Amino acid sequence: QVQFVESGGGLVQPGGSLRLSCTASESIASIFSIGWYRQGPGKQRELVASVTRGRNGPYETNIQDSVKGRFTASADDAKNTVYLQMNSLKPEDTGVYYCHAPYHGGLWGQGTQVTVSS
């Protein structure tokens, strides 16, 4: 089972930016899809963005409507790492952020805490 270690979270003011990193225990080039998820206080865990391998280039990204235009996902195969660039952060973005491979029986890690507050 693939394992991930998330990092890069922290406290940021509304309108600020953070870049989250997710390093995998195996080559991410061989993983079909890796998703970024978050769980806010009192909320269910939700998909935020994903990086998926396809025929039309090294990978494609999908950004959920709730964060579209503010968040960007990317991957660095050489580092076995995927990233989530978060700009124009809002208080409702607060939560624990996780990465996960839904088609590889991946384990859920500890996540990284993101707190957006003034």
PDB file of N, CA and C in Angstrom:
ATOM      1  N   GLN A   1       0.838  -1.179   0.000  1.00  0.00           N
ATOM      2  CA  GLN A   1       0.000   0.000   0.000  1.00  0.00           C
ATOM      3  C   GLN A   1       0.882   1.241   0.000  1.00  0.00           C
ATOM      4  N   VAL A   2       0.561   2.177  -0.876  1.00  0.00           N
ATOM      5  CA  VAL A   2       1.324   3.409  -0.939  1.00  0.00           C
ATOM      6  C   VAL A   2       1.022   4.256   0.298  1.00  0.00           C
ATOM      7  N   GLN A   3       2.052   4.894   0.795  1.00  0.00           N
ATOM      8  CA  GLN A   3       1.906   5.786   1.935  1.00  0.00           C
ATOM      9  C   GLN A   3       2.376   7.178   1.540  1.00  0.00           C
ATOM     10  N   PHE A   4       1.769   8.173   2.145  1.00  0.00           N
ATOM     11  CA  PHE A   4       2.110   9.559   1.860  1.00  0.00           C
ATOM     12  C   PHE A   4       2.438  10.303   3.139  1.00  0.00           C
ATOM     13  N   VAL A   5       3.316  11.286   3.007  1.00  0.00           N
ATOM     14  CA  VAL A   5       3.629  12.197   4.099  1.00  0.00           C
ATOM     15  C   VAL A   5       3.341  13.607   3.623  1.00  0.00           C
ATOM     16  N   GLU A   6       2.399  14.256   4.290  1.00  0.00           N
ATOM     17  CA  GLU A   6       2.007  15.611   3.938  1.00  0.00           C
ATOM     18  C   GLU A   6       2.775  16.619   4.782  1.00  0.00           C
ATOM     19  N   SER A   7       3.049  17.771   4.189  1.00  0.00           N
ATOM     20  CA  SER A   7       3.735  18.833   4.908  1.00  0.00           C
ATOM     21  C   SER A   7       3.392  20.175   4.284  1.00  0.00           C
ATOM     22  N   GLY A   8       3.756  21.243   4.966  1.00  0.00           N
ATOM     23  CA  GLY A   8       3.588  22.582   4.431  1.00  0.00           C
ATOM     24  C   GLY A   8       2.447  23.381   5.018  1.00  0.00           C
ATOM     25  N   GLY A   9       1.657  22.772   5.888  1.00  0.00           N
ATOM     26  CA  GLY A   9       0.553  23.491   6.493  1.00  0.00           C
ATOM     27  C   GLY A   9       1.026  24.515   7.503  1.00  0.00           C
ATOM     28  N   GLY A  10       0.085  25.321   7.967  1.00  0.00           N
ATOM     29  CA  GLY A  10       0.414  26.337   8.946  1.00  0.00           C
ATOM     30  C   GLY A  10      -0.707  27.327   9.115  1.00  0.00           C
ATOM     31  N   LEU A  11      -0.411  28.402   9.818  1.00  0.00           N
ATOM     32  CA  LEU A  11      -1.359  29.483  10.055  1.00  0.00           C
ATOM     33  C   LEU A  11      -1.107  30.597   9.055  1.00  0.00           C
ATOM     34  N   VAL A  12      -2.165  31.038   8.392  1.00  0.00           N
ATOM     35  CA  VAL A  12      -2.039  32.085   7.393  1.00  0.00           C
ATOM     36  C   VAL A  12      -3.241  33.017   7.474  1.00  0.00           C
ATOM     37  N   GLN A  13      -3.036  34.291   7.163  1.00  0.00           N
ATOM     38  CA  GLN A  13      -4.128  35.254   7.152  1.00  0.00           C
ATOM     39  C   GLN A  13      -5.000  35.086   5.919  1.00  0.00           C
ATOM     40  N   PRO A  14      -6.275  35.482   6.004  1.00  0.00           N
ATOM     41  CA  PRO A  14      -7.122  35.464   4.812  1.00  0.00           C
ATOM     42  C   PRO A  14      -6.461  36.223   3.666  1.00  0.00           C
ATOM     43  N   GLY A  15      -6.528  35.648   2.473  1.00  0.00           N
ATOM     44  CA  GLY A  15      -5.874  36.232   1.317  1.00  0.00           C
ATOM     45  C   GLY A  15      -4.457  35.760   1.112  1.00  0.00           C
ATOM     46  N   GLY A  16      -3.913  35.045   2.074  1.00  0.00           N
ATOM     47  CA  GLY A  16      -2.555  34.556   1.985  1.00  0.00           C
ATOM     48  C   GLY A  16      -2.438  33.279   1.182  1.00  0.00           C
ATOM     49  N   SER A  17      -1.211  32.745   1.136  1.00  0.00           N
ATOM     50  CA  SER A  17      -0.917  31.565   0.333  1.00  0.00           C
ATOM     51  C   SER A  17      -0.117  30.539   1.118  1.00  0.00           C
ATOM     52  N   LEU A  18      -0.283  29.279   0.735  1.00  0.00           N
ATOM     53  CA  LEU A  18       0.507  28.175   1.250  1.00  0.00           C
ATOM     54  C   LEU A  18       0.733  27.178   0.127  1.00  0.00           C
ATOM     55  N   ARG A  19       1.854  26.467   0.178  1.00  0.00           N
ATOM     56  CA  ARG A  19       2.090  25.358  -0.729  1.00  0.00           C
ATOM     57  C   ARG A  19       2.272  24.088   0.079  1.00  0.00           C
ATOM     58  N   LEU A  20       1.388  23.129  -0.137  1.00  0.00           N
ATOM     59  CA  LEU A  20       1.460  21.846   0.535  1.00  0.00           C
ATOM     60  C   LEU A  20       2.223  20.843  -0.322  1.00  0.00           C
ATOM     61  N   SER A  21       2.972  19.962   0.339  1.00  0.00           N
ATOM     62  CA  SER A  21       3.710  18.909  -0.340  1.00  0.00           C
ATOM     63  C   SER A  21       3.241  17.554   0.153  1.00  0.00           C
ATOM     64  N   CYS A  22       3.273  16.573  -0.733  1.00  0.00           N
ATOM     65  CA  CYS A  22       2.889  15.207  -0.403  1.00  0.00           C
ATOM     66  C   CYS A  22       3.890  14.276  -1.055  1.00  0.00           C
ATOM     67  N   THR A  23       4.701  13.613  -0.241  1.00  0.00           N
ATOM     68  CA  THR A  23       5.726  12.710  -0.747  1.00  0.00           C
ATOM     69  C   THR A  23       5.282  11.264  -0.569  1.00  0.00           C
ATOM     70  N   ALA A  24       5.352  10.484  -1.647  1.00  0.00           N
ATOM     71  CA  ALA A  24       4.873   9.107  -1.653  1.00  0.00           C
ATOM     72  C   ALA A  24       5.990   8.117  -1.374  1.00  0.00           C
ATOM     73  N   SER A  25       5.606   6.928  -0.919  1.00  0.00           N
ATOM     74  CA  SER A  25       6.553   5.867  -0.614  1.00  0.00           C
ATOM     75  C   SER A  25       6.972   5.070  -1.842  1.00  0.00           C
ATOM     76  N   GLU A  26       6.414   5.366  -2.990  1.00  0.00           N
ATOM     77  CA  GLU A  26       6.767   4.717  -4.231  1.00  0.00           C
ATOM     78  C   GLU A  26       6.666   5.719  -5.365  1.00  0.00           C
ATOM     79  N   SER A  27       7.117   5.322  -6.541  1.00  0.00           N
ATOM     80  CA  SER A  27       7.100   6.213  -7.692  1.00  0.00           C
ATOM     81  C   SER A  27       5.686   6.678  -8.001  1.00  0.00           C
ATOM     82  N   ILE A  28       5.494   7.994  -8.008  1.00  0.00           N
ATOM     83  CA  ILE A  28       4.162   8.500  -8.312  1.00  0.00           C
ATOM     84  C   ILE A  28       3.847   8.394  -9.796  1.00  0.00           C
ATOM     85  N   ALA A  29       4.864   8.175 -10.622  1.00  0.00           N
ATOM     86  CA  ALA A  29       4.636   8.005 -12.054  1.00  0.00           C
ATOM     87  C   ALA A  29       3.830   6.751 -12.347  1.00  0.00           C
ATOM     88  N   SER A  30       3.861   5.778 -11.436  1.00  0.00           N
ATOM     89  CA  SER A  30       3.126   4.535 -11.615  1.00  0.00           C
ATOM     90  C   SER A  30       1.772   4.535 -10.915  1.00  0.00           C
ATOM     91  N   ILE A  31       1.422   5.645 -10.308  1.00  0.00           N
ATOM     92  CA  ILE A  31       0.141   5.768  -9.619  1.00  0.00           C
ATOM     93  C   ILE A  31      -0.835   6.516 -10.519  1.00  0.00           C
ATOM     94  N   PHE A  32      -1.980   5.920 -10.763  1.00  0.00           N
ATOM     95  CA  PHE A  32      -2.926   6.482 -11.716  1.00  0.00           C
ATOM     96  C   PHE A  32      -3.442   7.848 -11.277  1.00  0.00           C
ATOM     97  N   SER A  33      -3.833   7.954 -10.026  1.00  0.00           N
ATOM     98  CA  SER A  33      -4.424   9.192  -9.554  1.00  0.00           C
ATOM     99  C   SER A  33      -4.080   9.431  -8.088  1.00  0.00           C
ATOM    100  N   ILE A  34      -3.736  10.663  -7.784  1.00  0.00           N
ATOM    101  CA  ILE A  34      -3.488  11.080  -6.406  1.00  0.00           C
ATOM    102  C   ILE A  34      -4.349  12.305  -6.136  1.00  0.00           C
ATOM    103  N   GLY A  35      -5.113  12.243  -5.078  1.00  0.00           N
ATOM    104  CA  GLY A  35      -6.009  13.330  -4.757  1.00  0.00           C
ATOM    105  C   GLY A  35      -5.614  14.066  -3.496  1.00  0.00           C
ATOM    106  N   TRP A  36      -5.945  15.347  -3.470  1.00  0.00           N
ATOM    107  CA  TRP A  36      -5.852  16.156  -2.267  1.00  0.00           C
ATOM    108  C   TRP A  36      -7.245  16.257  -1.661  1.00  0.00           C
ATOM    109  N   TYR A  37      -7.339  15.985  -0.375  1.00  0.00           N
ATOM    110  CA  TYR A  37      -8.588  16.035   0.359  1.00  0.00           C
ATOM    111  C   TYR A  37      -8.424  16.943   1.565  1.00  0.00           C
ATOM    112  N   ARG A  38      -9.534  17.421   2.094  1.00  0.00           N
ATOM    113  CA  ARG A  38      -9.480  18.196   3.319  1.00  0.00           C
ATOM    114  C   ARG A  38     -10.704  17.897   4.177  1.00  0.00           C
ATOM    115  N   GLN A  39     -10.544  18.099   5.466  1.00  0.00           N
ATOM    116  CA  GLN A  39     -11.641  17.939   6.401  1.00  0.00           C
ATOM    117  C   GLN A  39     -11.621  19.113   7.373  1.00  0.00           C
ATOM    118  N   GLY A  40     -12.621  19.974   7.269  1.00  0.00           N
ATOM    119  CA  GLY A  40     -12.735  21.109   8.163  1.00  0.00           C
ATOM    120  C   GLY A  40     -13.439  20.733   9.447  1.00  0.00           C
ATOM    121  N   PRO A  41     -13.407  21.615  10.434  1.00  0.00           N
ATOM    122  CA  PRO A  41     -14.069  21.346  11.720  1.00  0.00           C
ATOM    123  C   PRO A  41     -15.560  21.069  11.532  1.00  0.00           C
ATOM    124  N   GLY A  42     -16.021  19.926  12.027  1.00  0.00           N
ATOM    125  CA  GLY A  42     -17.424  19.570  11.930  1.00  0.00           C
ATOM    126  C   GLY A  42     -17.900  19.238  10.535  1.00  0.00           C
ATOM    127  N   LYS A  43     -16.982  19.023   9.605  1.00  0.00           N
ATOM    128  CA  LYS A  43     -17.348  18.742   8.225  1.00  0.00           C
ATOM    129  C   LYS A  43     -16.854  17.360   7.799  1.00  0.00           C
ATOM    130  N   GLN A  44     -17.438  16.852   6.720  1.00  0.00           N
ATOM    131  CA  GLN A  44     -16.972  15.614   6.125  1.00  0.00           C
ATOM    132  C   GLN A  44     -15.733  15.875   5.278  1.00  0.00           C
ATOM    133  N   ARG A  45     -14.929  14.850   5.105  1.00  0.00           N
ATOM    134  CA  ARG A  45     -13.763  14.968   4.250  1.00  0.00           C
ATOM    135  C   ARG A  45     -14.210  15.102   2.791  1.00  0.00           C
ATOM    136  N   GLU A  46     -13.583  16.020   2.073  1.00  0.00           N
ATOM    137  CA  GLU A  46     -13.967  16.276   0.702  1.00  0.00           C
ATOM    138  C   GLU A  46     -12.747  16.324  -0.209  1.00  0.00           C
ATOM    139  N   LEU A  47     -12.955  15.951  -1.452  1.00  0.00           N
ATOM    140  CA  LEU A  47     -11.918  16.055  -2.464  1.00  0.00           C
ATOM    141  C   LEU A  47     -11.738  17.517  -2.851  1.00  0.00           C
ATOM    142  N   VAL A  48     -10.486  17.948  -2.958  1.00  0.00           N
ATOM    143  CA  VAL A  48     -10.165  19.318  -3.335  1.00  0.00           C
ATOM    144  C   VAL A  48      -9.602  19.381  -4.753  1.00  0.00           C
ATOM    145  N   ALA A  49      -8.637  18.515  -5.042  1.00  0.00           N
ATOM    146  CA  ALA A  49      -7.980  18.506  -6.338  1.00  0.00           C
ATOM    147  C   ALA A  49      -7.343  17.149  -6.564  1.00  0.00           C
ATOM    148  N   SER A  50      -6.992  16.845  -7.810  1.00  0.00           N
ATOM    149  CA  SER A  50      -6.349  15.576  -8.105  1.00  0.00           C
ATOM    150  C   SER A  50      -5.367  15.708  -9.257  1.00  0.00           C
ATOM    151  N   VAL A  51      -4.396  14.805  -9.273  1.00  0.00           N
ATOM    152  CA  VAL A  51      -3.425  14.677 -10.348  1.00  0.00           C
ATOM    153  C   VAL A  51      -3.597  13.274 -10.919  1.00  0.00           C
ATOM    154  N   THR A  52      -3.886  13.175 -12.220  1.00  0.00           N
ATOM    155  CA  THR A  52      -4.214  11.902 -12.845  1.00  0.00           C
ATOM    156  C   THR A  52      -3.381  11.693 -14.105  1.00  0.00           C
ATOM    157  N   ARG A  53      -2.825  10.492 -14.256  1.00  0.00           N
ATOM    158  CA  ARG A  53      -2.065  10.147 -15.458  1.00  0.00           C
ATOM    159  C   ARG A  53      -3.011   9.914 -16.617  1.00  0.00           C
ATOM    160  N   GLY A  54      -2.602  10.352 -17.784  1.00  0.00           N
ATOM    161  CA  GLY A  54      -3.418  10.181 -18.964  1.00  0.00           C
ATOM    162  C   GLY A  54      -2.591  10.129 -20.227  1.00  0.00           C
ATOM    163  N   ARG A  55      -3.264   9.930 -21.349  1.00  0.00           N
ATOM    164  CA  ARG A  55      -2.576   9.842 -22.637  1.00  0.00           C
ATOM    165  C   ARG A  55      -2.178  11.212 -23.173  1.00  0.00           C
ATOM    166  N   ASN A  56      -2.804  12.243 -22.713  1.00  0.00           N
ATOM    167  CA  ASN A  56      -2.577  13.595 -23.215  1.00  0.00           C
ATOM    168  C   ASN A  56      -1.580  14.363 -22.364  1.00  0.00           C
ATOM    169  N   GLY A  57      -0.381  13.812 -22.233  1.00  0.00           N
ATOM    170  CA  GLY A  57       0.658  14.449 -21.453  1.00  0.00           C
ATOM    171  C   GLY A  57       0.979  13.662 -20.196  1.00  0.00           C
ATOM    172  N   PRO A  58       1.983  14.134 -19.434  1.00  0.00           N
ATOM    173  CA  PRO A  58       2.391  13.405 -18.217  1.00  0.00           C
ATOM    174  C   PRO A  58       1.251  13.229 -17.223  1.00  0.00           C
ATOM    175  N   TYR A  59       0.440  14.242 -17.050  1.00  0.00           N
ATOM    176  CA  TYR A  59      -0.684  14.153 -16.144  1.00  0.00           C
ATOM    177  C   TYR A  59      -1.662  15.279 -16.415  1.00  0.00           C
ATOM    178  N   GLU A  60      -2.865  15.088 -15.903  1.00  0.00           N
ATOM    179  CA  GLU A  60      -3.901  16.099 -15.948  1.00  0.00           C
ATOM    180  C   GLU A  60      -4.298  16.434 -14.519  1.00  0.00           C
ATOM    181  N   THR A  61      -4.764  17.640 -14.318  1.00  0.00           N
ATOM    182  CA  THR A  61      -5.223  18.047 -12.997  1.00  0.00           C
ATOM    183  C   THR A  61      -6.706  18.378 -13.033  1.00  0.00           C
ATOM    184  N   ASN A  62      -7.350  18.133 -11.923  1.00  0.00           N
ATOM    185  CA  ASN A  62      -8.753  18.463 -11.764  1.00  0.00           C
ATOM    186  C   ASN A  62      -8.917  19.233 -10.470  1.00  0.00           C
ATOM    187  N   ILE A  63      -9.531  20.389 -10.563  1.00  0.00           N
ATOM    188  CA  ILE A  63      -9.725  21.252  -9.411  1.00  0.00           C
ATOM    189  C   ILE A  63     -11.219  21.374  -9.133  1.00  0.00           C
ATOM    190  N   GLN A  64     -11.607  21.139  -7.897  1.00  0.00           N
ATOM    191  CA  GLN A  64     -13.010  21.216  -7.541  1.00  0.00           C
ATOM    192  C   GLN A  64     -13.504  22.656  -7.571  1.00  0.00           C
ATOM    193  N   ASP A  65     -14.798  22.820  -7.842  1.00  0.00           N
ATOM    194  CA  ASP A  65     -15.374  24.149  -8.016  1.00  0.00           C
ATOM    195  C   ASP A  65     -15.176  25.048  -6.802  1.00  0.00           C
ATOM    196  N   SER A  66     -15.180  24.466  -5.619  1.00  0.00           N
ATOM    197  CA  SER A  66     -15.085  25.260  -4.408  1.00  0.00           C
ATOM    198  C   SER A  66     -13.763  26.013  -4.290  1.00  0.00           C
ATOM    199  N   VAL A  67     -12.725  25.531  -4.975  1.00  0.00           N
ATOM    200  CA  VAL A  67     -11.410  26.158  -4.886  1.00  0.00           C
ATOM    201  C   VAL A  67     -10.853  26.539  -6.250  1.00  0.00           C
ATOM    202  N   LYS A  68     -11.627  26.338  -7.297  1.00  0.00           N
ATOM    203  CA  LYS A  68     -11.164  26.634  -8.647  1.00  0.00           C
ATOM    204  C   LYS A  68     -10.821  28.117  -8.784  1.00  0.00           C
ATOM    205  N   GLY A  69      -9.681  28.372  -9.429  1.00  0.00           N
ATOM    206  CA  GLY A  69      -9.208  29.733  -9.584  1.00  0.00           C
ATOM    207  C   GLY A  69      -8.297  30.186  -8.470  1.00  0.00           C
ATOM    208  N   ARG A  70      -8.257  29.431  -7.379  1.00  0.00           N
ATOM    209  CA  ARG A  70      -7.409  29.759  -6.243  1.00  0.00           C
ATOM    210  C   ARG A  70      -6.351  28.696  -5.970  1.00  0.00           C
ATOM    211  N   PHE A  71      -6.693  27.431  -6.190  1.00  0.00           N
ATOM    212  CA  PHE A  71      -5.782  26.317  -5.915  1.00  0.00           C
ATOM    213  C   PHE A  71      -5.275  25.712  -7.217  1.00  0.00           C
ATOM    214  N   THR A  72      -4.037  25.218  -7.185  1.00  0.00           N
ATOM    215  CA  THR A  72      -3.433  24.534  -8.317  1.00  0.00           C
ATOM    216  C   THR A  72      -2.687  23.296  -7.827  1.00  0.00           C
ATOM    217  N   ALA A  73      -2.869  22.174  -8.515  1.00  0.00           N
ATOM    218  CA  ALA A  73      -2.157  20.946  -8.186  1.00  0.00           C
ATOM    219  C   ALA A  73      -1.081  20.674  -9.228  1.00  0.00           C
ATOM    220  N   SER A  74       0.019  20.065  -8.793  1.00  0.00           N
ATOM    221  CA  SER A  74       1.098  19.720  -9.704  1.00  0.00           C
ATOM    222  C   SER A  74       1.844  18.506  -9.169  1.00  0.00           C
ATOM    223  N   ALA A  75       2.759  17.953  -9.975  1.00  0.00           N
ATOM    224  CA  ALA A  75       3.515  16.778  -9.577  1.00  0.00           C
ATOM    225  C   ALA A  75       4.950  16.881 -10.055  1.00  0.00           C
ATOM    226  N   ASP A  76       5.861  16.343  -9.263  1.00  0.00           N
ATOM    227  CA  ASP A  76       7.275  16.245  -9.611  1.00  0.00           C
ATOM    228  C   ASP A  76       7.655  14.783  -9.477  1.00  0.00           C
ATOM    229  N   ASP A  77       7.700  14.058 -10.600  1.00  0.00           N
ATOM    230  CA  ASP A  77       7.972  12.625 -10.575  1.00  0.00           C
ATOM    231  C   ASP A  77       9.342  12.303  -9.987  1.00  0.00           C
ATOM    232  N   ALA A  78      10.332  13.144 -10.258  1.00  0.00           N
ATOM    233  CA  ALA A  78      11.681  12.892  -9.772  1.00  0.00           C
ATOM    234  C   ALA A  78      11.753  12.902  -8.255  1.00  0.00           C
ATOM    235  N   LYS A  79      10.855  13.635  -7.626  1.00  0.00           N
ATOM    236  CA  LYS A  79      10.837  13.738  -6.173  1.00  0.00           C
ATOM    237  C   LYS A  79       9.722  12.915  -5.538  1.00  0.00           C
ATOM    238  N   ASN A  80       8.963  12.185  -6.345  1.00  0.00           N
ATOM    239  CA  ASN A  80       7.820  11.401  -5.857  1.00  0.00           C
ATOM    240  C   ASN A  80       6.886  12.267  -5.017  1.00  0.00           C
ATOM    241  N   THR A  81       6.662  13.475  -5.483  1.00  0.00           N
ATOM    242  CA  THR A  81       5.933  14.461  -4.699  1.00  0.00           C
ATOM    243  C   THR A  81       4.871  15.156  -5.528  1.00  0.00           C
ATOM    244  N   VAL A  82       3.711  15.343  -4.931  1.00  0.00           N
ATOM    245  CA  VAL A  82       2.669  16.176  -5.513  1.00  0.00           C
ATOM    246  C   VAL A  82       2.491  17.401  -4.632  1.00  0.00           C
ATOM    247  N   TYR A  83       2.021  18.476  -5.226  1.00  0.00           N
ATOM    248  CA  TYR A  83       1.895  19.746  -4.538  1.00  0.00           C
ATOM    249  C   TYR A  83       0.484  20.295  -4.667  1.00  0.00           C
ATOM    250  N   LEU A  84       0.129  21.119  -3.716  1.00  0.00           N
ATOM    251  CA  LEU A  84      -1.105  21.880  -3.781  1.00  0.00           C
ATOM    252  C   LEU A  84      -0.773  23.321  -3.446  1.00  0.00           C
ATOM    253  N   GLN A  85      -0.787  24.173  -4.457  1.00  0.00           N
ATOM    254  CA  GLN A  85      -0.563  25.598  -4.259  1.00  0.00           C
ATOM    255  C   GLN A  85      -1.899  26.249  -3.945  1.00  0.00           C
ATOM    256  N   MET A  86      -1.989  26.902  -2.806  1.00  0.00           N
ATOM    257  CA  MET A  86      -3.229  27.503  -2.349  1.00  0.00           C
ATOM    258  C   MET A  86      -3.038  29.006  -2.231  1.00  0.00           C
ATOM    259  N   ASN A  87      -3.788  29.743  -3.023  1.00  0.00           N
ATOM    260  CA  ASN A  87      -3.736  31.198  -3.015  1.00  0.00           C
ATOM    261  C   ASN A  87      -5.089  31.760  -2.602  1.00  0.00           C
ATOM    262  N   SER A  88      -5.096  33.030  -2.235  1.00  0.00           N
ATOM    263  CA  SER A  88      -6.329  33.720  -1.844  1.00  0.00           C
ATOM    264  C   SER A  88      -7.116  32.912  -0.823  1.00  0.00           C
ATOM    265  N   LEU A  89      -6.443  32.448   0.192  1.00  0.00           N
ATOM    266  CA  LEU A  89      -7.063  31.568   1.173  1.00  0.00           C
ATOM    267  C   LEU A  89      -8.160  32.273   1.962  1.00  0.00           C
ATOM    268  N   LYS A  90      -9.193  31.502   2.284  1.00  0.00           N
ATOM    269  CA  LYS A  90     -10.347  31.982   3.027  1.00  0.00           C
ATOM    270  C   LYS A  90     -10.476  31.196   4.325  1.00  0.00           C
ATOM    271  N   PRO A  91     -11.146  31.759   5.333  1.00  0.00           N
ATOM    272  CA  PRO A  91     -11.334  31.015   6.585  1.00  0.00           C
ATOM    273  C   PRO A  91     -11.977  29.649   6.382  1.00  0.00           C
ATOM    274  N   GLU A  92     -12.875  29.510   5.422  1.00  0.00           N
ATOM    275  CA  GLU A  92     -13.527  28.238   5.172  1.00  0.00           C
ATOM    276  C   GLU A  92     -12.601  27.188   4.572  1.00  0.00           C
ATOM    277  N   ASP A  93     -11.379  27.577   4.199  1.00  0.00           N
ATOM    278  CA  ASP A  93     -10.378  26.623   3.740  1.00  0.00           C
ATOM    279  C   ASP A  93      -9.685  25.918   4.898  1.00  0.00           C
ATOM    280  N   THR A  94      -9.957  26.349   6.111  1.00  0.00           N
ATOM    281  CA  THR A  94      -9.344  25.758   7.292  1.00  0.00           C
ATOM    282  C   THR A  94      -9.686  24.276   7.410  1.00  0.00           C
ATOM    283  N   GLY A  95      -8.699  23.462   7.727  1.00  0.00           N
ATOM    284  CA  GLY A  95      -8.926  22.044   7.915  1.00  0.00           C
ATOM    285  C   GLY A  95      -7.627  21.265   7.844  1.00  0.00           C
ATOM    286  N   VAL A  96      -7.750  19.963   7.985  1.00  0.00           N
ATOM    287  CA  VAL A  96      -6.611  19.074   7.823  1.00  0.00           C
ATOM    288  C   VAL A  96      -6.594  18.586   6.379  1.00  0.00           C
ATOM    289  N   TYR A  97      -5.474  18.754   5.716  1.00  0.00           N
ATOM    290  CA  TYR A  97      -5.335  18.385   4.315  1.00  0.00           C
ATOM    291  C   TYR A  97      -4.565  17.081   4.181  1.00  0.00           C
ATOM    292  N   TYR A  98      -5.086  16.180   3.349  1.00  0.00           N
ATOM    293  CA  TYR A  98      -4.508  14.869   3.133  1.00  0.00           C
ATOM    294  C   TYR A  98      -4.300  14.627   1.638  1.00  0.00           C
ATOM    295  N   CYS A  99      -3.338  13.784   1.295  1.00  0.00           N
ATOM    296  CA  CYS A  99      -3.280  13.242  -0.049  1.00  0.00           C
ATOM    297  C   CYS A  99      -3.531  11.740   0.024  1.00  0.00           C
ATOM    298  N   HIS A 100      -4.064  11.181  -1.057  1.00  0.00           N
ATOM    299  CA  HIS A 100      -4.516   9.803  -1.047  1.00  0.00           C
ATOM    300  C   HIS A 100      -4.599   9.285  -2.478  1.00  0.00           C
ATOM    301  N   ALA A 101      -4.314   7.995  -2.640  1.00  0.00           N
ATOM    302  CA  ALA A 101      -4.416   7.326  -3.936  1.00  0.00           C
ATOM    303  C   ALA A 101      -5.614   6.393  -3.899  1.00  0.00           C
ATOM    304  N   PRO A 102      -6.749   6.813  -4.428  1.00  0.00           N
ATOM    305  CA  PRO A 102      -7.982   6.035  -4.261  1.00  0.00           C
ATOM    306  C   PRO A 102      -8.006   4.707  -4.988  1.00  0.00           C
ATOM    307  N   TYR A 103      -7.149   4.503  -5.999  1.00  0.00           N
ATOM    308  CA  TYR A 103      -7.156   3.268  -6.776  1.00  0.00           C
ATOM    309  C   TYR A 103      -6.000   2.341  -6.435  1.00  0.00           C
ATOM    310  N   HIS A 104      -5.254   2.626  -5.388  1.00  0.00           N
ATOM    311  CA  HIS A 104      -4.089   1.822  -5.032  1.00  0.00           C
ATOM    312  C   HIS A 104      -4.126   1.287  -3.603  1.00  0.00           C
ATOM    313  N   GLY A 105      -5.292   1.305  -2.980  1.00  0.00           N
ATOM    314  CA  GLY A 105      -5.398   0.832  -1.610  1.00  0.00           C
ATOM    315  C   GLY A 105      -4.508   1.604  -0.664  1.00  0.00           C
ATOM    316  N   GLY A 106      -4.332   2.880  -0.935  1.00  0.00           N
ATOM    317  CA  GLY A 106      -3.429   3.700  -0.155  1.00  0.00           C
ATOM    318  C   GLY A 106      -3.909   3.951   1.258  1.00  0.00           C
ATOM    319  N   LEU A 107      -2.942   4.150   2.134  1.00  0.00           N
ATOM    320  CA  LEU A 107      -3.242   4.481   3.519  1.00  0.00           C
ATOM    321  C   LEU A 107      -3.437   5.981   3.673  1.00  0.00           C
ATOM    322  N   TRP A 108      -4.273   6.347   4.631  1.00  0.00           N
ATOM    323  CA  TRP A 108      -4.426   7.754   4.988  1.00  0.00           C
ATOM    324  C   TRP A 108      -3.352   8.117   6.001  1.00  0.00           C
ATOM    325  N   GLY A 109      -2.664   9.220   5.743  1.00  0.00           N
ATOM    326  CA  GLY A 109      -1.626   9.678   6.647  1.00  0.00           C
ATOM    327  C   GLY A 109      -2.182  10.586   7.721  1.00  0.00           C
ATOM    328  N   GLN A 110      -1.291  11.307   8.384  1.00  0.00           N
ATOM    329  CA  GLN A 110      -1.697  12.209   9.450  1.00  0.00           C
ATOM    330  C   GLN A 110      -2.263  13.526   8.923  1.00  0.00           C
ATOM    331  N   GLY A 111      -1.935  13.863   7.689  1.00  0.00           N
ATOM    332  CA  GLY A 111      -2.379  15.121   7.119  1.00  0.00           C
ATOM    333  C   GLY A 111      -1.559  16.287   7.641  1.00  0.00           C
ATOM    334  N   THR A 112      -1.870  17.465   7.125  1.00  0.00           N
ATOM    335  CA  THR A 112      -1.206  18.682   7.576  1.00  0.00           C
ATOM    336  C   THR A 112      -2.270  19.743   7.830  1.00  0.00           C
ATOM    337  N   GLN A 113      -2.168  20.419   8.951  1.00  0.00           N
ATOM    338  CA  GLN A 113      -3.179  21.384   9.376  1.00  0.00           C
ATOM    339  C   GLN A 113      -2.995  22.717   8.670  1.00  0.00           C
ATOM    340  N   VAL A 114      -4.081  23.219   8.110  1.00  0.00           N
ATOM    341  CA  VAL A 114      -4.112  24.548   7.516  1.00  0.00           C
ATOM    342  C   VAL A 114      -5.138  25.374   8.279  1.00  0.00           C
ATOM    343  N   THR A 115      -4.700  26.489   8.815  1.00  0.00           N
ATOM    344  CA  THR A 115      -5.594  27.380   9.545  1.00  0.00           C
ATOM    345  C   THR A 115      -5.538  28.760   8.915  1.00  0.00           C
ATOM    346  N   VAL A 116      -6.689  29.246   8.479  1.00  0.00           N
ATOM    347  CA  VAL A 116      -6.790  30.563   7.860  1.00  0.00           C
ATOM    348  C   VAL A 116      -7.565  31.453   8.813  1.00  0.00           C
ATOM    349  N   SER A 117      -6.887  32.414   9.404  1.00  0.00           N
ATOM    350  CA  SER A 117      -7.503  33.263  10.417  1.00  0.00           C
ATOM    351  C   SER A 117      -6.745  34.572  10.530  1.00  0.00           C
ATOM    352  N   SER A 118      -7.477  35.639  10.839  1.00  0.00           N
ATOM    353  CA  SER A 118      -6.868  36.929  11.066  1.00  0.00           C
ATOM    354  C   SER A 118      -6.639  37.183  12.542  1.00  0.00           C
TER     355      SER A 118
END
